[in-house]
Amino acid sequence: MPVLSTMIVPAALVEQVRALAVSLAGDAAAGMWATGLSPDGSIPPTHYVSSGYIDEQFAELLSGPEGLAAATKLPLVEARLLLSSCIISNGAPFTVIADAGLQLSQEPME
């Protein structure tokens, strides 16, 4: 059964997380983490968010470093660091974003 997942990833890790997602879910994960976030809404983004329904099996992989390490062949310490650097919640996206002290990044209006 699909579950709602809002995932916020630091900009420094977004390429790695995107690649891992595609390796696990294939093309269905392409295009995730495209929306930039920052504390004041400015660019460049400090984080990226992806929110939507994901398969329960993928939600389980994100619930702890052991499952993520086994599925991706990441060393356990790296999986632990990766997950601890991200915000993964079943909350509504704008609530999770606000709770993290972030805003949507956008170009300043002239």
Protein backbone atom coordinates (compact mmCIF):
# COMPACT_ATOMS: atom_id res chain seq x y z
CA MET A 1 0.00 0.00 0.00
CA PRO A 2 1.46 3.40 -0.92
CA VAL A 3 2.38 5.75 1.90
CA LEU A 4 2.80 9.52 1.90
CA SER A 5 6.42 10.51 2.29
CA THR A 6 7.95 13.97 2.45
CA MET A 7 11.72 13.81 2.15
CA ILE A 8 14.07 16.78 2.56
CA VAL A 9 17.67 16.26 1.50
CA PRO A 10 20.64 18.64 1.96
CA ALA A 11 21.85 20.07 -1.35
CA ALA A 12 25.28 18.51 -0.78
CA LEU A 13 23.70 15.02 -0.85
CA VAL A 14 20.97 15.45 -3.44
CA GLU A 15 22.86 13.91 -6.39
CA GLN A 16 23.79 10.83 -4.34
CA VAL A 17 20.23 10.44 -3.07
CA ARG A 18 18.79 10.84 -6.58
CA ALA A 19 21.13 8.15 -7.90
CA LEU A 20 20.24 5.78 -5.06
CA ALA A 21 16.53 6.33 -5.63
CA VAL A 22 16.82 5.55 -9.34
CA SER A 23 18.93 2.45 -8.60
CA LEU A 24 16.17 1.19 -6.28
CA ALA A 25 13.01 2.29 -8.06
CA GLY A 26 14.07 2.83 -11.66
CA ASP A 27 12.55 5.52 -13.81
CA ALA A 28 9.72 6.04 -11.30
CA ALA A 29 12.26 7.88 -9.11
CA ALA A 30 13.64 10.08 -11.88
CA GLY A 31 12.93 13.73 -11.23
CA MET A 32 12.69 13.47 -7.46
CA TRP A 33 14.13 16.22 -5.26
CA ALA A 34 13.71 18.94 -7.89
CA THR A 35 12.18 21.59 -5.62
CA GLY A 36 14.77 23.73 -3.89
CA LEU A 37 14.48 25.01 -0.33
CA SER A 38 16.43 27.44 1.81
CA PRO A 39 15.96 29.12 5.20
CA ASP A 40 14.93 32.45 3.66
CA GLY A 41 13.62 31.28 0.28
CA SER A 42 16.68 32.54 -1.59
CA ILE A 43 18.81 30.69 -4.08
CA PRO A 44 20.93 28.68 -4.25
CA PRO A 45 18.92 26.06 -2.41
CA THR A 46 20.39 24.54 0.73
CA HIS A 47 18.00 21.57 0.54
CA TYR A 48 15.65 19.81 -1.85
CA VAL A 49 12.24 18.29 -1.16
CA SER A 50 10.27 15.49 -2.72
CA SER A 51 6.83 14.56 -1.54
CA GLY A 52 4.26 12.05 -2.68
CA TYR A 53 3.15 8.49 -2.31
CA ILE A 54 5.81 5.79 -2.38
CA ASP A 55 5.51 2.03 -2.15
CA GLU A 56 5.52 0.69 1.38
CA GLN A 57 8.63 -1.38 0.60
CA PHE A 58 10.60 1.81 -0.11
CA ALA A 59 9.25 3.49 3.01
CA GLU A 60 10.54 0.52 5.00
CA LEU A 61 14.00 0.92 3.46
CA LEU A 62 14.05 4.50 4.69
CA SER A 63 13.01 3.59 8.22
CA GLY A 64 16.51 2.54 9.27
CA PRO A 65 20.09 2.36 8.03
CA GLU A 66 20.28 -1.44 8.03
CA GLY A 67 17.62 -1.84 5.33
CA LEU A 68 19.03 0.98 3.24
CA ALA A 69 22.55 -0.43 3.47
CA ALA A 70 21.39 -3.90 2.46
CA ALA A 71 19.36 -2.64 -0.50
CA THR A 72 21.98 -0.25 -1.85
CA LYS A 73 25.25 -1.88 -0.82
CA LEU A 74 26.20 1.28 1.09
CA PRO A 75 28.35 0.68 4.14
CA LEU A 76 26.16 0.81 7.25
CA VAL A 77 27.95 3.88 8.59
CA GLU A 78 27.30 5.74 5.32
CA ALA A 79 23.63 4.70 5.27
CA ARG A 80 23.29 5.91 8.86
CA LEU A 81 24.92 9.26 8.01
CA LEU A 82 22.77 9.68 4.92
CA LEU A 83 19.51 9.03 6.74
CA SER A 84 20.47 11.20 9.70
CA SER A 85 21.19 14.10 7.32
CA CYS A 86 17.72 13.93 5.77
CA ILE A 87 14.23 14.65 7.04
CA ILE A 88 11.82 11.82 6.22
CA SER A 89 8.25 12.27 7.37
CA ASN A 90 4.74 11.12 6.58
CA GLY A 91 3.57 14.69 7.21
CA ALA A 92 2.12 17.11 4.68
CA PRO A 93 4.89 18.73 2.62
CA PHE A 94 4.37 22.37 3.58
CA THR A 95 4.11 21.45 7.25
CA VAL A 96 7.34 19.44 7.13
CA ILE A 97 9.09 22.24 5.21
CA ALA A 98 7.96 24.87 7.75
CA ASP A 99 8.87 22.64 10.70
CA ALA A 100 12.38 22.34 9.22
CA GLY A 101 12.68 26.13 9.10
CA LEU A 102 12.80 26.15 5.31
CA GLN A 103 10.96 27.87 2.47
CA LEU A 104 10.65 27.25 -1.26
CA SER A 105 13.66 28.75 -3.06
CA GLN A 106 12.92 31.22 -5.80
CA GLU A 107 14.56 33.91 -7.84
CA PRO A 108 14.08 37.38 -6.34
CA MET A 109 11.51 39.50 -8.13
CA GLU A 110 12.88 42.63 -9.78
